[in-house]
Amino acid sequence: MVGVSTSSPSRFVYRDARNRGPSLLVLAILALLVGLVGGALAAAGVIWVDDRSDNIPGVVLPVSPIVDDPPTGVTAIADAVLPTVVSLDIRGGGQAATGSGVVVRSDGYIVTNSHVISVASEGGWVRVTFADGVQLPARIVGRSPTYDLAVVRVDRDDLVAASLGDSDRLRVGDPVIAVGSPLGLSGTVTTGIVSALERPVTTSDAGEASYISAIQTDAAINPGNSGGPLVDSRGRVVGITSAIATLGSGRSSGSIGLGFAIPVTQAKSIIEQLIAEGEAEYPVVGILLDLTYPGPGAKVQRESAQGDAVTPGGAADIAGVEPGDVIVAVDGESIETYEEFVVLVRSQQPGEQISLQVDRGNELVTLEVILGATVG
């Protein structure tokens, strides 16, 4: 608060008391003249105003004609995307959850996050509320906790489906829009930019961990946005909103400008598998990592009570990975933590080949691994 000093004395100009000015007679004459002139000016003023009122009956400000131009920018995108976005209410196991979803097929298929519907995965119910206010029950088609994606379906075949874009074409700085139901406020639209790409993000819910090579955005995202779309400047879905960074609990648990979305290019293949099979495969290397290793890199355990550190006959074993190896790069890209390693692997497809650079004591070894597959 800016302080204001009141200690400075007021500055007055004092005139000498002996300089009394003009005589009383002169002052009286001047007062009479001023009164006459003032009266004349006032009368002239009234006549002038009356004259103007006679000639100008009223003042009308110009108004631009109303033209029903089509909306542009964010307004146009919101108009196109909002009908494809839904709110979800979930109950199960004595718990309740809310979230968002996006219609991907007109015959009732809706994508959301696995963590949004997890409480109903073993008995419970899911209710979908559409932009037109219609509410319908939904059944869970399938979910992939590994990628934090799920598909539900309603009995309706006239839905407006969202257009899917290409997240591989995104660049840092591109404008994006998040749509969903944060804090239960359905139909909420927030704007921002892509603030980073390929951000390694690890989330967990009820013991189910997801590793995402995420799109980072500063568009305001809050609890309830999960499962809703992140769209580009043409209204095409480029990501499925999944997580936010917070400073902690309480008042700091809302948006702080760091939201994360699953890239739609990666999500698309998982969604297709969930619709077709009810489950989805993800790639595996076949090793157990030492989560206490301070880095840099991802260290393969030397021994484990969980079983073999390197799965016999698995992808890593066939490639020659050994217990105690420290993986320092994948396809030439350096890694600092085990999370980065897992994210890079999960961004591949089963059956693809990756190159691992391994620190084995004082030796750097390059190994070619053909990724295996498992369901989850």
Protein backbone atom coordinates (compact mmCIF):
# COMPACT_ATOMS: atom_id res chain seq x y z
CA MET A 1 0.00 0.00 0.00
CA VAL A 2 1.35 3.36 -1.00
CA GLY A 3 1.63 5.68 1.98
CA VAL A 4 0.55 9.30 1.72
CA SER A 5 2.35 11.81 3.90
CA THR A 6 0.16 14.39 5.63
CA SER A 7 2.98 16.22 7.37
CA SER A 8 3.75 18.73 4.61
CA PRO A 9 2.25 22.15 5.39
CA SER A 10 -0.23 23.68 2.95
CA ARG A 11 1.29 26.41 0.84
CA PHE A 12 -0.71 29.58 0.97
CA VAL A 13 0.14 32.94 -0.61
CA TYR A 14 -0.23 35.82 1.85
CA ARG A 15 -0.61 39.34 0.63
CA ASP A 16 0.52 42.40 2.58
CA ALA A 17 -2.44 43.73 4.63
CA ARG A 18 -1.63 47.24 3.74
CA ASN A 19 -2.28 46.69 0.04
CA ARG A 20 -6.06 47.02 0.20
CA GLY A 21 -6.78 47.07 -3.62
CA PRO A 22 -9.39 49.31 -5.42
CA SER A 23 -11.89 51.55 -3.64
CA LEU A 24 -15.45 50.49 -2.69
CA LEU A 25 -16.97 52.74 -5.37
CA VAL A 26 -14.91 51.17 -8.12
CA LEU A 27 -15.86 47.69 -6.90
CA ALA A 28 -19.57 48.59 -6.94
CA ILE A 29 -19.38 49.85 -10.53
CA LEU A 30 -17.50 46.71 -11.64
CA ALA A 31 -20.08 44.45 -10.00
CA LEU A 32 -22.92 46.24 -11.81
CA LEU A 33 -21.17 45.86 -15.19
CA VAL A 34 -20.46 42.17 -14.63
CA GLY A 35 -24.10 41.53 -13.76
CA LEU A 36 -25.36 43.23 -16.92
CA VAL A 37 -22.91 41.42 -19.20
CA GLY A 38 -23.60 38.06 -17.53
CA GLY A 39 -27.35 38.49 -17.98
CA ALA A 40 -26.94 39.32 -21.63
CA LEU A 41 -24.76 36.27 -22.22
CA ALA A 42 -27.21 34.04 -20.41
CA ALA A 43 -30.09 35.31 -22.55
CA ALA A 44 -28.04 34.81 -25.69
CA GLY A 45 -27.24 31.33 -24.56
CA VAL A 46 -30.90 30.43 -24.10
CA ILE A 47 -31.76 31.85 -27.52
CA TRP A 48 -28.89 29.89 -29.12
CA VAL A 49 -29.95 26.60 -27.53
CA ASP A 50 -33.57 27.20 -28.48
CA ASP A 51 -32.47 27.87 -32.07
CA ARG A 52 -30.60 24.56 -32.22
CA SER A 53 -33.57 22.70 -30.78
CA ASP A 54 -35.87 24.11 -33.44
CA ASN A 55 -33.60 23.06 -36.31
CA ILE A 56 -32.52 19.60 -34.95
CA PRO A 57 -35.51 17.68 -33.59
CA GLY A 58 -33.26 14.98 -32.01
CA VAL A 59 -29.78 13.49 -31.96
CA VAL A 60 -29.56 9.92 -33.29
CA LEU A 61 -26.29 7.99 -33.02
CA PRO A 62 -25.51 5.71 -35.94
CA VAL A 63 -26.01 1.96 -35.31
CA SER A 64 -24.33 -0.74 -37.35
CA PRO A 65 -26.83 -2.95 -39.15
CA ILE A 66 -27.33 -6.40 -37.62
CA VAL A 67 -25.91 -9.01 -39.97
CA ASP A 68 -26.12 -12.73 -39.20
CA ASP A 69 -22.53 -13.49 -40.15
CA PRO A 70 -21.36 -17.01 -39.32
CA PRO A 71 -19.32 -17.19 -36.09
CA THR A 72 -15.57 -17.32 -36.36
CA GLY A 73 -12.63 -18.22 -34.14
CA VAL A 74 -13.26 -19.84 -30.78
CA THR A 75 -17.01 -19.24 -31.09
CA ALA A 76 -17.22 -21.28 -34.29
CA ILE A 77 -15.08 -24.06 -32.84
CA ALA A 78 -17.19 -24.19 -29.68
CA ASP A 79 -20.39 -24.37 -31.76
CA ALA A 80 -18.99 -27.35 -33.67
CA VAL A 81 -17.40 -29.23 -30.76
CA LEU A 82 -19.89 -28.79 -27.90
CA PRO A 83 -22.50 -31.16 -29.40
CA THR A 84 -19.86 -33.93 -29.40
CA VAL A 85 -18.92 -33.55 -25.72
CA VAL A 86 -20.76 -35.26 -22.86
CA SER A 87 -20.78 -35.24 -19.08
CA LEU A 88 -20.42 -38.50 -17.17
CA ASP A 89 -21.77 -39.49 -13.75
CA ILE A 90 -20.41 -42.74 -12.35
CA ARG A 91 -21.38 -44.77 -9.29
CA GLY A 92 -19.96 -48.03 -7.96
CA GLY A 93 -18.48 -49.64 -4.88
CA GLY A 94 -19.90 -46.95 -2.65
CA GLN A 95 -18.02 -44.28 -4.61
CA ALA A 96 -19.03 -41.58 -7.05
CA ALA A 97 -17.15 -39.83 -9.82
CA THR A 98 -17.77 -37.32 -12.58
CA GLY A 99 -15.95 -36.58 -15.78
CA SER A 100 -16.23 -35.78 -19.46
CA GLY A 101 -16.25 -37.72 -22.69
CA VAL A 102 -16.25 -37.19 -26.43
CA VAL A 103 -18.37 -38.97 -29.04
CA VAL A 104 -16.17 -40.77 -31.58
CA ARG A 105 -18.87 -42.67 -33.48
CA SER A 106 -22.42 -41.66 -34.24
CA ASP A 107 -23.71 -45.08 -33.19
CA GLY A 108 -23.11 -44.45 -29.51
CA TYR A 109 -19.38 -44.89 -28.82
CA ILE A 110 -17.88 -42.37 -26.40
CA VAL A 111 -14.25 -42.06 -25.27
CA THR A 112 -13.23 -41.02 -21.78
CA ASN A 113 -10.45 -41.76 -19.29
CA SER A 114 -10.10 -45.13 -17.64
CA HIS A 115 -9.73 -43.47 -14.25
CA VAL A 116 -13.05 -41.65 -14.72
CA ILE A 117 -15.08 -44.88 -14.92
CA SER A 118 -12.88 -47.11 -12.76
CA VAL A 119 -15.32 -47.08 -9.82
CA ALA A 120 -17.95 -48.73 -12.05
CA SER A 121 -15.63 -51.29 -13.63
CA GLU A 122 -16.71 -54.07 -11.26
CA GLY A 123 -20.39 -53.35 -10.79
CA GLY A 124 -21.97 -49.93 -10.86
CA TRP A 125 -23.43 -47.65 -13.44
CA VAL A 126 -22.50 -44.87 -15.86
CA ARG A 127 -24.90 -42.12 -16.92
CA VAL A 128 -24.20 -39.86 -19.89
CA THR A 129 -25.63 -36.37 -20.28
CA PHE A 130 -25.53 -34.92 -23.78
CA ALA A 131 -25.31 -31.30 -24.86
CA ASP A 132 -29.03 -31.32 -25.67
CA GLY A 133 -29.83 -32.34 -22.08
CA VAL A 134 -30.76 -35.95 -22.87
CA GLN A 135 -29.54 -38.45 -20.26
CA LEU A 136 -28.89 -42.11 -21.06
CA PRO A 137 -27.33 -45.07 -19.27
CA ALA A 138 -24.09 -46.37 -20.75
CA ARG A 139 -22.25 -49.67 -20.60
CA ILE A 140 -18.49 -50.00 -20.42
CA VAL A 141 -17.16 -51.42 -23.70
CA GLY A 142 -13.55 -51.64 -22.53
CA ARG A 143 -10.80 -49.76 -20.81
CA SER A 144 -7.01 -49.58 -20.81
CA PRO A 145 -5.58 -48.41 -17.47
CA THR A 146 -2.11 -48.44 -19.03
CA TYR A 147 -3.06 -45.62 -21.39
CA ASP A 148 -5.83 -44.18 -19.17
CA LEU A 149 -8.40 -44.62 -21.93
CA ALA A 150 -11.86 -46.17 -21.91
CA VAL A 151 -14.87 -46.51 -24.20
CA VAL A 152 -18.52 -46.53 -23.13
CA ARG A 153 -21.58 -46.94 -25.34
CA VAL A 154 -25.15 -45.64 -25.21
CA ASP A 155 -28.19 -46.86 -27.08
CA ARG A 156 -28.43 -44.00 -29.56
CA ASP A 157 -27.43 -43.89 -33.23
CA ASP A 158 -27.93 -40.24 -34.17
CA LEU A 159 -25.01 -38.72 -32.29
CA VAL A 160 -22.74 -36.01 -33.63
CA ALA A 161 -19.23 -37.48 -33.68
CA ALA A 162 -16.10 -35.41 -33.22
CA SER A 163 -13.50 -35.04 -35.96
CA LEU A 164 -10.14 -36.53 -35.04
CA GLY A 165 -6.99 -34.60 -35.93
CA ASP A 166 -3.29 -35.43 -36.12
CA SER A 167 -1.45 -34.75 -32.87
CA ASP A 168 1.88 -35.51 -34.56
CA ARG A 169 1.54 -32.22 -36.45
CA LEU A 170 1.21 -30.11 -33.32
CA ARG A 171 3.87 -27.55 -32.51
CA VAL A 172 4.62 -25.72 -29.30
CA GLY A 173 2.64 -22.48 -29.40
CA ASP A 174 -0.30 -23.84 -31.40
CA PRO A 175 -3.68 -22.66 -30.05
CA VAL A 176 -5.84 -25.34 -28.45
CA ILE A 177 -9.24 -25.46 -26.76
CA ALA A 178 -10.34 -27.74 -23.92
CA VAL A 179 -14.01 -28.68 -23.63
CA GLY A 180 -15.62 -30.56 -20.77
CA SER A 181 -17.35 -30.40 -17.41
CA PRO A 182 -14.85 -29.06 -14.87
CA LEU A 183 -16.26 -29.12 -11.34
CA GLY A 184 -19.54 -30.35 -12.81
CA LEU A 185 -19.99 -27.26 -15.00
CA SER A 186 -20.96 -28.88 -18.29
CA GLY A 187 -20.23 -27.28 -21.64
CA THR A 188 -17.23 -25.33 -20.37
CA VAL A 189 -14.78 -24.06 -22.99
CA THR A 190 -11.27 -22.85 -22.11
CA THR A 191 -8.48 -21.73 -24.41
CA GLY A 192 -4.71 -21.84 -24.38
CA ILE A 193 -1.72 -23.04 -26.34
CA VAL A 194 0.39 -26.16 -26.61
CA SER A 195 3.05 -25.35 -24.03
CA ALA A 196 5.11 -28.54 -24.47
CA LEU A 197 5.08 -31.83 -26.34
CA GLU A 198 6.11 -35.38 -25.41
CA ARG A 199 6.00 -34.50 -21.73
CA PRO A 200 6.49 -37.70 -19.67
CA VAL A 201 3.57 -37.86 -17.25
CA THR A 202 2.81 -40.59 -14.74
CA THR A 203 -0.61 -40.84 -13.16
CA SER A 204 -2.12 -43.40 -10.82
CA ASP A 205 -5.59 -44.18 -9.60
CA ALA A 206 -6.57 -47.06 -7.32
CA GLY A 207 -3.20 -48.68 -7.93
CA GLU A 208 -3.46 -48.43 -11.74
CA ALA A 209 -0.54 -46.47 -13.14
CA SER A 210 -0.57 -44.78 -16.54
CA TYR A 211 2.47 -43.48 -18.39
CA ILE A 212 1.75 -40.85 -21.02
CA SER A 213 3.86 -38.98 -23.54
CA ALA A 214 1.55 -36.04 -23.09
CA ILE A 215 0.56 -32.81 -24.79
CA GLN A 216 1.05 -30.07 -22.20
CA THR A 217 -1.28 -27.06 -22.35
CA ASP A 218 -1.99 -23.94 -20.35
CA ALA A 219 -5.71 -24.07 -21.18
CA ALA A 220 -7.52 -24.10 -17.84
CA ILE A 221 -8.22 -27.72 -16.89
CA ASN A 222 -9.78 -28.78 -13.61
CA PRO A 223 -11.22 -31.94 -12.03
CA GLY A 224 -14.14 -32.98 -14.24
CA ASN A 225 -12.35 -32.10 -17.48
CA SER A 226 -10.87 -35.60 -17.52
CA GLY A 227 -11.88 -37.53 -20.62
CA GLY A 228 -12.92 -34.45 -22.57
CA PRO A 229 -11.33 -33.38 -25.83
CA LEU A 230 -8.47 -31.01 -26.48
CA VAL A 231 -9.05 -29.58 -29.96
CA ASP A 232 -6.98 -27.58 -32.41
CA SER A 233 -7.81 -24.34 -34.20
CA ARG A 234 -9.99 -26.24 -36.70
CA GLY A 235 -12.02 -28.02 -34.04
CA ARG A 236 -10.34 -31.40 -34.54
CA VAL A 237 -9.61 -33.52 -31.50
CA VAL A 238 -5.85 -33.69 -30.92
CA GLY A 239 -5.87 -35.03 -27.38
CA ILE A 240 -7.93 -36.58 -24.59
CA THR A 241 -7.54 -34.55 -21.41
CA SER A 242 -6.17 -36.76 -18.65
CA ALA A 243 -4.28 -34.97 -15.89
CA ILE A 244 -3.35 -31.68 -14.29
CA ALA A 245 -0.37 -30.58 -12.26
CA THR A 246 -1.15 -29.01 -8.88
CA LEU A 247 0.77 -27.53 -6.00
CA GLY A 248 -0.94 -29.85 -3.55
CA SER A 249 -4.30 -30.30 -1.90
CA GLY A 250 -6.87 -27.76 -0.80
CA ARG A 251 -6.92 -24.45 -2.56
CA SER A 252 -3.95 -25.39 -4.71
CA SER A 253 -5.65 -28.42 -6.26
CA GLY A 254 -7.18 -26.57 -9.20
CA SER A 255 -5.66 -25.45 -12.48
CA ILE A 256 -2.27 -23.77 -12.33
CA GLY A 257 -1.81 -23.68 -16.08
CA LEU A 258 -0.32 -27.15 -16.48
CA GLY A 259 -2.73 -29.62 -18.04
CA PHE A 260 -1.92 -32.81 -19.92
CA ALA A 261 -3.68 -34.70 -22.69
CA ILE A 262 -3.13 -38.08 -24.33
CA PRO A 263 -2.16 -37.47 -27.99
CA VAL A 264 -4.99 -38.62 -30.24
CA THR A 265 -2.60 -40.29 -32.68
CA GLN A 266 -1.60 -42.68 -29.92
CA ALA A 267 -5.10 -42.89 -28.47
CA LYS A 268 -6.72 -43.78 -31.80
CA SER A 269 -5.25 -47.28 -32.03
CA ILE A 270 -6.15 -47.99 -28.39
CA ILE A 271 -9.73 -46.79 -28.93
CA GLU A 272 -10.10 -48.96 -32.02
CA GLN A 273 -8.91 -52.01 -30.08
CA LEU A 274 -11.26 -51.28 -27.19
CA ILE A 275 -14.25 -50.99 -29.54
CA ALA A 276 -13.34 -54.16 -31.44
CA GLU A 277 -12.04 -56.37 -28.62
CA GLY A 278 -12.96 -54.73 -25.32
CA GLU A 279 -9.28 -54.61 -24.40
CA ALA A 280 -6.04 -53.21 -25.76
CA GLU A 281 -2.45 -54.41 -26.04
CA TYR A 282 0.56 -52.39 -25.03
CA PRO A 283 4.26 -53.01 -25.74
CA VAL A 284 6.58 -54.56 -23.16
CA VAL A 285 10.33 -55.02 -22.91
CA GLY A 286 10.31 -57.78 -20.32
CA ILE A 287 12.39 -56.27 -17.50
CA LEU A 288 11.89 -55.14 -13.91
CA LEU A 289 13.23 -51.67 -13.18
CA ASP A 290 14.90 -50.45 -10.01
CA LEU A 291 12.60 -47.59 -9.03
CA THR A 292 15.02 -46.40 -6.34
CA TYR A 293 17.90 -45.83 -8.76
CA PRO A 294 18.70 -42.09 -8.70
CA GLY A 295 19.69 -41.99 -12.36
CA PRO A 296 20.46 -40.85 -14.91
CA GLY A 297 18.78 -43.57 -16.91
CA ALA A 298 16.61 -46.57 -16.08
CA LYS A 299 18.32 -49.39 -14.21
CA VAL A 300 17.36 -53.03 -14.58
CA GLN A 301 17.11 -54.71 -11.18
CA ARG A 302 19.89 -57.14 -10.25
CA GLU A 303 17.51 -59.43 -8.39
CA SER A 304 13.89 -59.26 -7.39
CA ALA A 305 11.42 -61.00 -5.11
CA GLN A 306 8.87 -60.45 -7.87
CA GLY A 307 10.64 -62.83 -10.18
CA ASP A 308 13.34 -62.60 -12.83
CA ALA A 309 14.68 -59.11 -13.42
CA VAL A 310 14.87 -60.02 -17.11
CA THR A 311 11.95 -62.17 -18.26
CA PRO A 312 13.32 -65.43 -19.74
CA GLY A 313 12.51 -65.57 -23.43
CA GLY A 314 11.13 -62.03 -23.37
CA ALA A 315 12.04 -59.17 -25.69
CA ALA A 316 14.89 -57.86 -23.53
CA ASP A 317 16.31 -61.32 -22.88
CA ILE A 318 16.40 -62.13 -26.59
CA ALA A 319 18.13 -58.77 -27.26
CA GLY A 320 20.79 -59.45 -24.61
CA VAL A 321 19.77 -57.12 -21.77
CA GLU A 322 21.29 -58.20 -18.43
CA PRO A 323 20.38 -57.57 -14.77
CA GLY A 324 22.07 -54.40 -13.53
CA ASP A 325 22.21 -52.77 -16.96
CA VAL A 326 21.42 -49.04 -17.01
CA ILE A 327 19.44 -47.95 -20.06
CA VAL A 328 20.57 -44.42 -20.96
CA ALA A 329 18.97 -43.89 -24.38
CA VAL A 330 16.11 -45.15 -26.55
CA ASP A 331 16.46 -44.73 -30.32
CA GLY A 332 19.21 -42.21 -29.68
CA GLU A 333 17.11 -40.13 -27.27
CA SER A 334 18.70 -39.76 -23.84
CA ILE A 335 16.62 -40.59 -20.80
CA GLU A 336 17.05 -39.32 -17.26
CA THR A 337 14.49 -41.35 -15.32
CA TYR A 338 12.69 -44.68 -15.47
CA GLU A 339 9.42 -42.80 -16.15
CA GLU A 340 10.89 -41.37 -19.34
CA PHE A 341 11.95 -44.85 -20.41
CA VAL A 342 8.49 -46.34 -19.80
CA VAL A 343 6.78 -43.46 -21.62
CA LEU A 344 9.04 -43.86 -24.64
CA VAL A 345 8.34 -47.59 -24.79
CA ARG A 346 4.56 -47.12 -24.36
CA SER A 347 4.51 -44.68 -27.26
CA GLN A 348 5.53 -47.54 -29.57
CA GLN A 349 3.47 -50.43 -30.91
CA PRO A 350 3.92 -54.12 -30.04
CA GLY A 351 6.19 -55.77 -32.59
CA GLU A 352 8.12 -52.59 -33.36
CA GLN A 353 11.88 -52.49 -32.95
CA ILE A 354 13.66 -50.02 -30.69
CA SER A 355 17.34 -49.45 -30.08
CA LEU A 356 18.55 -49.37 -26.46
CA GLN A 357 21.86 -47.87 -25.42
CA VAL A 358 22.95 -49.61 -22.23
CA ASP A 359 25.63 -48.65 -19.71
CA ARG A 360 27.16 -51.95 -18.58
CA GLY A 361 29.89 -51.05 -16.10
CA ASN A 362 32.47 -49.10 -18.09
CA GLU A 363 31.02 -50.16 -21.45
CA LEU A 364 28.23 -48.71 -23.59
CA VAL A 365 26.33 -51.40 -25.48
CA THR A 366 23.68 -50.91 -28.17
CA LEU A 367 20.93 -53.54 -28.26
CA GLU A 368 18.05 -53.97 -30.72
CA VAL A 369 14.77 -54.97 -29.02
CA ILE A 370 11.61 -56.17 -30.76
CA LEU A 371 8.84 -55.22 -28.37
CA GLY A 372 6.54 -57.85 -26.96
CA ALA A 373 2.89 -57.36 -26.09
CA THR A 374 0.52 -57.74 -23.18
CA VAL A 375 -3.02 -56.62 -22.40
CA GLY A 376 -3.88 -53.87 -20.00
